[in-house]
Amino acid sequence: SISLLRMGMYLLSEEYVFLFQHLREHKRLLIMNVVIQSTMNQIIHLILDVFDFIEQLTMFVALQIIGNSRQTHEPLGINRICN
């Protein structure tokens, strides 16, 4: 009966070791997932910042073209923009 108890304790401790290894693996995967998500968020914010910059630059150039056409009193047409 003592050997049966020892065998039961041994099997139980093996189960605990397996369980904790499993939990450790899950924890590692969760941490990696969080790191990947935060990196993706940073990349998305960077892309949005680039789009904002391009939008502002386009607006600035458009306003410069409009301003230049008003100074020279030329109508703003396709030929003016293409040249």
N, C-alpha and C. Protein backbone atom coordinates (compact mmCIF):
# COMPACT_ATOMS: atom_id res chain seq x y z
N SER A 1 0.83 -1.20 0.00
CA SER A 1 0.00 0.00 0.00
C SER A 1 0.87 1.25 0.00
N ILE A 2 2.05 1.20 0.64
CA ILE A 2 2.96 2.35 0.62
C ILE A 2 3.52 2.55 -0.79
N SER A 3 3.87 1.44 -1.45
CA SER A 3 4.41 1.57 -2.80
C SER A 3 3.33 2.09 -3.76
N LEU A 4 2.07 1.70 -3.52
CA LEU A 4 0.98 2.21 -4.35
C LEU A 4 0.81 3.72 -4.13
N LEU A 5 0.93 4.16 -2.86
CA LEU A 5 0.86 5.58 -2.54
C LEU A 5 2.01 6.34 -3.19
N ARG A 6 3.23 5.76 -3.11
CA ARG A 6 4.40 6.40 -3.74
C ARG A 6 4.21 6.50 -5.25
N MET A 7 3.68 5.42 -5.84
CA MET A 7 3.46 5.44 -7.27
C MET A 7 2.43 6.51 -7.64
N GLY A 8 1.38 6.62 -6.83
CA GLY A 8 0.37 7.66 -7.06
C GLY A 8 0.97 9.05 -6.94
N MET A 9 1.81 9.28 -5.92
CA MET A 9 2.46 10.58 -5.73
C MET A 9 3.38 10.89 -6.91
N TYR A 10 4.10 9.86 -7.37
CA TYR A 10 5.02 10.03 -8.49
C TYR A 10 4.25 10.44 -9.75
N LEU A 11 3.14 9.72 -10.02
CA LEU A 11 2.34 10.04 -11.21
C LEU A 11 1.74 11.44 -11.09
N LEU A 12 1.28 11.79 -9.87
CA LEU A 12 0.72 13.11 -9.65
C LEU A 12 1.77 14.19 -9.86
N SER A 13 2.99 13.95 -9.34
CA SER A 13 4.04 14.95 -9.52
C SER A 13 4.44 15.06 -11.00
N GLU A 14 4.42 13.94 -11.73
CA GLU A 14 4.69 14.01 -13.16
C GLU A 14 3.64 14.84 -13.87
N GLU A 15 2.37 14.67 -13.46
CA GLU A 15 1.29 15.46 -14.05
C GLU A 15 1.49 16.95 -13.77
N TYR A 16 1.90 17.27 -12.54
CA TYR A 16 2.14 18.67 -12.19
C TYR A 16 3.28 19.26 -13.02
N VAL A 17 4.36 18.48 -13.17
CA VAL A 17 5.49 18.96 -13.97
C VAL A 17 5.03 19.21 -15.40
N PHE A 18 4.27 18.27 -15.96
CA PHE A 18 3.77 18.43 -17.32
C PHE A 18 2.87 19.66 -17.42
N LEU A 19 1.99 19.82 -16.42
CA LEU A 19 1.06 20.95 -16.41
C LEU A 19 1.81 22.27 -16.35
N PHE A 20 2.82 22.36 -15.47
CA PHE A 20 3.56 23.61 -15.36
C PHE A 20 4.39 23.89 -16.60
N GLN A 21 4.94 22.84 -17.23
CA GLN A 21 5.65 23.06 -18.49
C GLN A 21 4.69 23.57 -19.56
N HIS A 22 3.49 23.00 -19.57
CA HIS A 22 2.47 23.42 -20.52
C HIS A 22 2.08 24.88 -20.28
N LEU A 23 1.88 25.23 -19.00
CA LEU A 23 1.53 26.61 -18.66
C LEU A 23 2.66 27.57 -19.02
N ARG A 24 3.90 27.16 -18.79
CA ARG A 24 5.04 27.99 -19.13
C ARG A 24 5.09 28.26 -20.64
N GLU A 25 4.81 27.22 -21.41
CA GLU A 25 4.78 27.37 -22.88
C GLU A 25 3.67 28.34 -23.30
N HIS A 26 2.49 28.18 -22.67
CA HIS A 26 1.38 29.10 -22.97
C HIS A 26 1.76 30.54 -22.61
N LYS A 27 2.41 30.71 -21.47
CA LYS A 27 2.82 32.05 -21.04
C LYS A 27 3.80 32.65 -22.05
N ARG A 28 4.75 31.84 -22.51
CA ARG A 28 5.72 32.31 -23.50
C ARG A 28 5.01 32.71 -24.80
N LEU A 29 4.05 31.88 -25.22
CA LEU A 29 3.31 32.20 -26.45
C LEU A 29 2.48 33.47 -26.28
N LEU A 30 1.87 33.64 -25.09
CA LEU A 30 1.09 34.85 -24.84
C LEU A 30 1.97 36.09 -24.88
N ILE A 31 3.15 36.00 -24.27
CA ILE A 31 4.08 37.14 -24.27
C ILE A 31 4.50 37.46 -25.70
N MET A 32 4.82 36.41 -26.48
CA MET A 32 5.19 36.64 -27.88
C MET A 32 4.05 37.28 -28.65
N ASN A 33 2.82 36.84 -28.38
CA ASN A 33 1.65 37.39 -29.05
C ASN A 33 1.49 38.87 -28.73
N VAL A 34 1.67 39.24 -27.46
CA VAL A 34 1.57 40.64 -27.06
C VAL A 34 2.65 41.47 -27.75
N VAL A 35 3.88 40.94 -27.80
CA VAL A 35 4.98 41.66 -28.46
C VAL A 35 4.66 41.86 -29.93
N ILE A 36 4.17 40.80 -30.59
CA ILE A 36 3.84 40.90 -32.01
C ILE A 36 2.72 41.92 -32.23
N GLN A 37 1.70 41.90 -31.37
CA GLN A 37 0.59 42.84 -31.52
C GLN A 37 1.05 44.28 -31.32
N SER A 38 1.91 44.52 -30.32
CA SER A 38 2.36 45.90 -30.10
C SER A 38 3.25 46.35 -31.25
N THR A 39 4.07 45.43 -31.80
CA THR A 39 4.89 45.78 -32.96
C THR A 39 4.00 46.11 -34.15
N MET A 40 2.95 45.31 -34.36
CA MET A 40 2.02 45.59 -35.46
C MET A 40 1.34 46.94 -35.26
N ASN A 41 0.94 47.25 -34.03
CA ASN A 41 0.33 48.55 -33.75
C ASN A 41 1.28 49.68 -34.08
N GLN A 42 2.56 49.52 -33.71
CA GLN A 42 3.55 50.56 -34.01
C GLN A 42 3.72 50.71 -35.52
N ILE A 43 3.75 49.60 -36.24
CA ILE A 43 3.89 49.66 -37.70
C ILE A 43 2.68 50.35 -38.32
N ILE A 44 1.48 50.01 -37.84
CA ILE A 44 0.26 50.63 -38.36
C ILE A 44 0.27 52.13 -38.10
N HIS A 45 0.67 52.54 -36.89
CA HIS A 45 0.74 53.97 -36.58
C HIS A 45 1.77 54.67 -37.46
N LEU A 46 2.89 54.00 -37.72
CA LEU A 46 3.91 54.57 -38.60
C LEU A 46 3.36 54.76 -40.01
N ILE A 47 2.65 53.76 -40.52
CA ILE A 47 2.05 53.87 -41.86
C ILE A 47 1.04 55.00 -41.90
N LEU A 48 0.21 55.12 -40.85
CA LEU A 48 -0.77 56.21 -40.80
C LEU A 48 -0.09 57.57 -40.75
N ASP A 49 1.02 57.66 -40.00
CA ASP A 49 1.78 58.91 -39.96
C ASP A 49 2.33 59.26 -41.34
N VAL A 50 2.82 58.25 -42.07
CA VAL A 50 3.34 58.49 -43.42
C VAL A 50 2.21 58.99 -44.32
N PHE A 51 1.03 58.37 -44.23
CA PHE A 51 -0.10 58.82 -45.04
C PHE A 51 -0.50 60.25 -44.68
N ASP A 52 -0.50 60.58 -43.39
CA ASP A 52 -0.81 61.95 -42.96
C ASP A 52 0.20 62.93 -43.55
N PHE A 53 1.48 62.55 -43.51
CA PHE A 53 2.52 63.42 -44.05
C PHE A 53 2.32 63.63 -45.55
N ILE A 54 2.03 62.54 -46.28
CA ILE A 54 1.81 62.66 -47.73
C ILE A 54 0.60 63.55 -48.01
N GLU A 55 -0.46 63.39 -47.21
CA GLU A 55 -1.66 64.22 -47.39
C GLU A 55 -1.34 65.69 -47.16
N GLN A 56 -0.60 65.98 -46.09
CA GLN A 56 -0.24 67.38 -45.80
C GLN A 56 0.68 67.94 -46.88
N LEU A 57 1.63 67.13 -47.35
CA LEU A 57 2.54 67.58 -48.40
C LEU A 57 1.78 67.86 -49.69
N THR A 58 0.84 66.99 -50.04
CA THR A 58 0.02 67.19 -51.24
C THR A 58 -0.79 68.47 -51.12
N MET A 59 -1.38 68.69 -49.95
CA MET A 59 -2.16 69.91 -49.73
C MET A 59 -1.27 71.14 -49.85
N PHE A 60 -0.07 71.07 -49.28
CA PHE A 60 0.87 72.20 -49.35
C PHE A 60 1.23 72.51 -50.80
N VAL A 61 1.56 71.46 -51.57
CA VAL A 61 1.92 71.66 -52.98
C VAL A 61 0.74 72.23 -53.76
N ALA A 62 -0.46 71.71 -53.51
CA ALA A 62 -1.65 72.22 -54.20
C ALA A 62 -1.87 73.69 -53.88
N LEU A 63 -1.70 74.06 -52.61
CA LEU A 63 -1.87 75.47 -52.24
C LEU A 63 -0.80 76.35 -52.88
N GLN A 64 0.42 75.82 -53.00
CA GLN A 64 1.49 76.58 -53.66
C GLN A 64 1.15 76.81 -55.13
N ILE A 65 0.64 75.78 -55.81
CA ILE A 65 0.27 75.91 -57.22
C ILE A 65 -0.85 76.93 -57.37
N ILE A 66 -1.86 76.85 -56.48
CA ILE A 66 -2.97 77.81 -56.54
C ILE A 66 -2.44 79.22 -56.27
N GLY A 67 -1.57 79.35 -55.27
CA GLY A 67 -1.00 80.66 -54.95
C GLY A 67 -0.19 81.22 -56.10
N ASN A 68 0.63 80.40 -56.75
CA ASN A 68 1.44 80.86 -57.88
C ASN A 68 0.57 81.26 -59.06
N SER A 69 -0.51 80.52 -59.31
CA SER A 69 -1.37 80.86 -60.44
C SER A 69 -2.11 82.16 -60.17
N ARG A 70 -2.43 82.44 -58.93
CA ARG A 70 -3.10 83.71 -58.60
C ARG A 70 -2.14 84.89 -58.74
N GLN A 71 -0.87 84.66 -58.37
CA GLN A 71 0.12 85.75 -58.47
C GLN A 71 0.37 86.12 -59.92
N THR A 72 0.42 85.13 -60.81
CA THR A 72 0.70 85.42 -62.22
C THR A 72 -0.58 85.69 -63.00
N HIS A 73 -1.73 85.63 -62.32
CA HIS A 73 -3.04 85.89 -62.93
C HIS A 73 -3.32 84.95 -64.10
N GLU A 74 -2.78 83.74 -64.02
CA GLU A 74 -3.06 82.75 -65.07
C GLU A 74 -4.20 81.86 -64.58
N PRO A 75 -5.06 81.44 -65.50
CA PRO A 75 -6.09 80.49 -65.08
C PRO A 75 -5.44 79.15 -64.72
N LEU A 76 -5.96 78.54 -63.70
CA LEU A 76 -5.41 77.25 -63.24
C LEU A 76 -6.03 76.15 -64.09
N GLY A 77 -5.26 75.66 -65.04
CA GLY A 77 -5.78 74.62 -65.93
C GLY A 77 -4.85 73.43 -65.98
N ILE A 78 -5.24 72.48 -66.81
CA ILE A 78 -4.45 71.25 -66.94
C ILE A 78 -3.07 71.57 -67.51
N ASN A 79 -2.99 72.46 -68.49
CA ASN A 79 -1.70 72.79 -69.10
C ASN A 79 -0.75 73.39 -68.07
N ARG A 80 -1.27 74.20 -67.19
CA ARG A 80 -0.44 74.84 -66.16
C ARG A 80 0.14 73.78 -65.22
N ILE A 81 -0.67 72.82 -64.83
CA ILE A 81 -0.21 71.79 -63.89
C ILE A 81 0.78 70.85 -64.58
N CYS A 82 0.51 70.49 -65.84
CA CYS A 82 1.39 69.56 -66.55
C CYS A 82 2.75 70.20 -66.85
N ASN A 83 2.77 71.48 -67.08
CA ASN A 83 4.05 72.15 -67.37
C ASN A 83 4.69 72.52 -66.07
